[in-house]
Structures are given as structure tokens and as C-alpha cells.
């Protein structure tokens, strides 16, 4: 999306951040922005997952507003 001028951020669970950063660097995007959330998410209740998703959406919106 950035190649079309649209800012973007990737969302990962914390243990996968290093892998994501390594992949981004290997694709020529070192420093690509990541927003991480605690792992695991599979054991969350629907209400907890909804709350986490709302928090992540707010964090994404804040990041995009400050980098857009």
C-alpha cells in the first residue's frame, strides 16, 4: 500500500514481531512499522477478543493519523 502512497502498519502478536521485522527487511522494507499485541489470542473469550480488537483499531488509527 505504501507504494501507492497509503500508509500502513502490520499487526502481529508479540512473539512474531521479530519474524515480521526480518521478513520486512528481507523484502527491502527495514524499519517497517509493526503494532504488536500479547500472545496468544486463541484462548480469549469473544468479549476479550472484541476488546483487544477495539484497542488495536484505536492504536492503528492513532498511528495512521500521525504518519499519514
N, C-alpha and C. Protein backbone atom coordinates (compact mmCIF):
# COMPACT_ATOMS: atom_id res chain seq x y z
N UNK A 1 0.82 -1.19 0.00
CA UNK A 1 0.00 0.00 0.00
C UNK A 1 0.87 1.26 0.00
N UNK A 2 2.00 1.17 0.68
CA UNK A 2 2.86 2.35 0.73
C UNK A 2 3.33 2.77 -0.65
N UNK A 3 3.49 1.80 -1.55
CA UNK A 3 3.93 2.13 -2.90
C UNK A 3 2.91 2.98 -3.65
N UNK A 4 1.65 2.92 -3.20
CA UNK A 4 0.60 3.78 -3.76
C UNK A 4 0.38 5.03 -2.91
N UNK A 5 1.26 5.24 -1.92
CA UNK A 5 1.17 6.42 -1.07
C UNK A 5 0.21 6.28 0.10
N UNK A 6 -0.22 5.05 0.40
CA UNK A 6 -1.14 4.83 1.51
C UNK A 6 -0.34 4.26 2.69
N UNK A 7 -0.28 4.99 3.82
CA UNK A 7 0.47 4.46 4.95
C UNK A 7 -0.19 3.21 5.51
N UNK A 8 0.63 2.29 6.03
CA UNK A 8 0.11 1.04 6.57
C UNK A 8 0.98 0.58 7.72
N UNK A 9 0.41 -0.24 8.57
CA UNK A 9 1.11 -0.83 9.70
C UNK A 9 0.64 -2.28 9.81
N UNK A 10 1.55 -3.17 10.15
CA UNK A 10 1.21 -4.58 10.31
C UNK A 10 0.90 -4.87 11.78
N UNK A 11 -0.07 -5.74 12.01
CA UNK A 11 -0.43 -6.15 13.37
C UNK A 11 -0.01 -7.60 13.55
N UNK A 12 0.76 -7.86 14.62
CA UNK A 12 1.23 -9.21 14.92
C UNK A 12 1.13 -9.44 16.42
N UNK A 13 1.13 -10.72 16.81
CA UNK A 13 1.30 -10.99 18.23
C UNK A 13 2.78 -10.92 18.55
N UNK A 14 3.08 -10.55 19.78
CA UNK A 14 4.44 -10.22 20.19
C UNK A 14 5.51 -11.21 19.75
N UNK A 15 5.31 -12.53 19.92
CA UNK A 15 6.38 -13.44 19.53
C UNK A 15 6.71 -13.42 18.04
N UNK A 16 5.83 -12.90 17.22
CA UNK A 16 6.04 -12.90 15.78
C UNK A 16 6.60 -11.58 15.25
N UNK A 17 6.83 -10.63 16.14
CA UNK A 17 7.35 -9.33 15.71
C UNK A 17 8.74 -9.47 15.07
N UNK A 18 9.64 -10.21 15.74
CA UNK A 18 10.99 -10.37 15.19
C UNK A 18 10.95 -11.02 13.81
N UNK A 19 10.10 -12.01 13.64
CA UNK A 19 9.97 -12.66 12.33
C UNK A 19 9.45 -11.67 11.30
N UNK A 20 8.45 -10.89 11.68
CA UNK A 20 7.91 -9.89 10.77
C UNK A 20 8.94 -8.85 10.38
N UNK A 21 9.71 -8.41 11.36
CA UNK A 21 10.76 -7.42 11.07
C UNK A 21 11.82 -8.01 10.13
N UNK A 22 12.18 -9.27 10.36
CA UNK A 22 13.17 -9.92 9.49
C UNK A 22 12.62 -10.07 8.07
N UNK A 23 11.35 -10.44 7.96
CA UNK A 23 10.75 -10.58 6.63
C UNK A 23 10.68 -9.23 5.93
N UNK A 24 10.28 -8.20 6.66
CA UNK A 24 10.21 -6.87 6.05
C UNK A 24 11.59 -6.44 5.55
N UNK A 25 12.62 -6.67 6.36
CA UNK A 25 13.97 -6.30 5.95
C UNK A 25 14.40 -7.08 4.71
N UNK A 26 14.05 -8.37 4.67
CA UNK A 26 14.44 -9.18 3.51
C UNK A 26 13.71 -8.75 2.24
N UNK A 27 12.56 -8.10 2.41
CA UNK A 27 11.80 -7.59 1.26
C UNK A 27 12.15 -6.14 0.94
N UNK A 28 13.24 -5.65 1.57
CA UNK A 28 13.68 -4.29 1.29
C UNK A 28 12.90 -3.22 2.04
N UNK A 29 12.26 -3.58 3.14
CA UNK A 29 11.48 -2.63 3.93
C UNK A 29 11.95 -2.60 5.38
N UNK A 30 13.25 -2.39 5.62
CA UNK A 30 13.71 -2.35 7.01
C UNK A 30 13.02 -1.20 7.75
N UNK A 31 12.70 -1.43 8.99
CA UNK A 31 12.02 -0.40 9.76
C UNK A 31 10.53 -0.34 9.54
N UNK A 32 9.99 -1.33 8.80
CA UNK A 32 8.54 -1.35 8.56
C UNK A 32 7.83 -1.34 9.91
N UNK A 33 6.75 -0.57 10.03
CA UNK A 33 6.08 -0.44 11.33
C UNK A 33 5.22 -1.66 11.69
N UNK A 34 5.34 -2.07 12.93
CA UNK A 34 4.55 -3.17 13.47
C UNK A 34 3.87 -2.71 14.75
N UNK A 35 2.67 -3.15 14.92
CA UNK A 35 1.94 -2.98 16.17
C UNK A 35 1.74 -4.38 16.71
N UNK A 36 2.23 -4.62 17.93
CA UNK A 36 2.08 -5.97 18.45
C UNK A 36 1.11 -6.01 19.62
N UNK A 37 0.57 -7.19 19.81
CA UNK A 37 -0.39 -7.45 20.87
C UNK A 37 0.03 -8.74 21.57
N UNK A 38 -0.30 -8.88 22.85
CA UNK A 38 0.12 -10.09 23.57
C UNK A 38 -0.38 -11.38 22.91
N UNK A 39 0.40 -12.40 23.10
CA UNK A 39 0.12 -13.74 22.56
C UNK A 39 -0.15 -14.66 23.74
N UNK A 40 -1.01 -15.60 23.63
CA UNK A 40 -1.82 -15.96 22.47
C UNK A 40 -3.15 -15.22 22.46
N UNK A 41 -3.85 -15.31 21.35
CA UNK A 41 -5.19 -14.73 21.28
C UNK A 41 -6.25 -15.82 21.16
N UNK A 42 -5.84 -17.04 20.85
CA UNK A 42 -6.80 -18.12 20.62
C UNK A 42 -7.61 -18.47 21.87
N UNK A 43 -7.05 -18.22 23.05
CA UNK A 43 -7.76 -18.58 24.27
C UNK A 43 -8.62 -17.46 24.84
N UNK A 44 -8.72 -16.34 24.14
CA UNK A 44 -9.54 -15.22 24.62
C UNK A 44 -11.02 -15.51 24.41
N UNK A 45 -11.83 -15.00 25.31
CA UNK A 45 -13.28 -15.08 25.11
C UNK A 45 -13.66 -14.12 23.99
N UNK A 46 -14.86 -14.27 23.49
CA UNK A 46 -15.32 -13.35 22.43
C UNK A 46 -15.26 -11.91 22.92
N UNK A 47 -15.68 -11.67 24.15
CA UNK A 47 -15.67 -10.31 24.70
C UNK A 47 -14.25 -9.78 24.82
N UNK A 48 -13.32 -10.62 25.29
CA UNK A 48 -11.92 -10.20 25.41
C UNK A 48 -11.31 -9.94 24.04
N UNK A 49 -11.63 -10.78 23.08
CA UNK A 49 -11.11 -10.59 21.72
C UNK A 49 -11.67 -9.31 21.10
N UNK A 50 -12.95 -9.05 21.32
CA UNK A 50 -13.54 -7.80 20.83
C UNK A 50 -12.85 -6.59 21.46
N UNK A 51 -12.58 -6.67 22.76
CA UNK A 51 -11.92 -5.57 23.46
C UNK A 51 -10.51 -5.36 22.90
N UNK A 52 -9.80 -6.46 22.68
CA UNK A 52 -8.45 -6.38 22.11
C UNK A 52 -8.50 -5.79 20.72
N UNK A 53 -9.45 -6.21 19.92
CA UNK A 53 -9.59 -5.68 18.56
C UNK A 53 -9.88 -4.18 18.58
N UNK A 54 -10.73 -3.74 19.51
CA UNK A 54 -11.01 -2.31 19.63
C UNK A 54 -9.76 -1.54 20.00
N UNK A 55 -8.97 -2.07 20.94
CA UNK A 55 -7.72 -1.41 21.34
C UNK A 55 -6.75 -1.33 20.16
N UNK A 56 -6.65 -2.41 19.41
CA UNK A 56 -5.75 -2.42 18.25
C UNK A 56 -6.23 -1.46 17.17
N UNK A 57 -7.54 -1.40 16.96
CA UNK A 57 -8.09 -0.48 15.96
C UNK A 57 -7.77 0.96 16.35
N UNK A 58 -7.93 1.27 17.64
CA UNK A 58 -7.61 2.63 18.10
C UNK A 58 -6.12 2.93 17.92
N UNK A 59 -5.26 1.96 18.26
CA UNK A 59 -3.82 2.16 18.12
C UNK A 59 -3.43 2.32 16.65
N UNK A 60 -4.05 1.53 15.77
CA UNK A 60 -3.79 1.66 14.33
C UNK A 60 -4.22 3.03 13.83
N UNK A 61 -5.40 3.45 14.23
CA UNK A 61 -5.91 4.75 13.78
C UNK A 61 -4.99 5.87 14.27
N UNK A 62 -4.55 5.80 15.50
CA UNK A 62 -3.63 6.82 16.04
C UNK A 62 -2.33 6.83 15.24
N UNK A 63 -1.76 5.64 14.98
CA UNK A 63 -0.51 5.57 14.22
C UNK A 63 -0.71 6.14 12.82
N UNK A 64 -1.79 5.73 12.16
CA UNK A 64 -2.03 6.18 10.79
C UNK A 64 -2.24 7.70 10.73
N UNK A 65 -2.92 8.25 11.73
CA UNK A 65 -3.13 9.70 11.75
C UNK A 65 -1.81 10.45 11.92
N UNK A 66 -0.91 9.88 12.71
CA UNK A 66 0.35 10.57 12.96
C UNK A 66 1.39 10.32 11.85
N UNK A 67 1.11 9.35 10.96
CA UNK A 67 2.07 9.03 9.89
C UNK A 67 1.46 9.20 8.49
N UNK A 68 0.28 9.72 8.44
CA UNK A 68 -0.40 9.83 7.15
C UNK A 68 -0.23 11.14 6.46
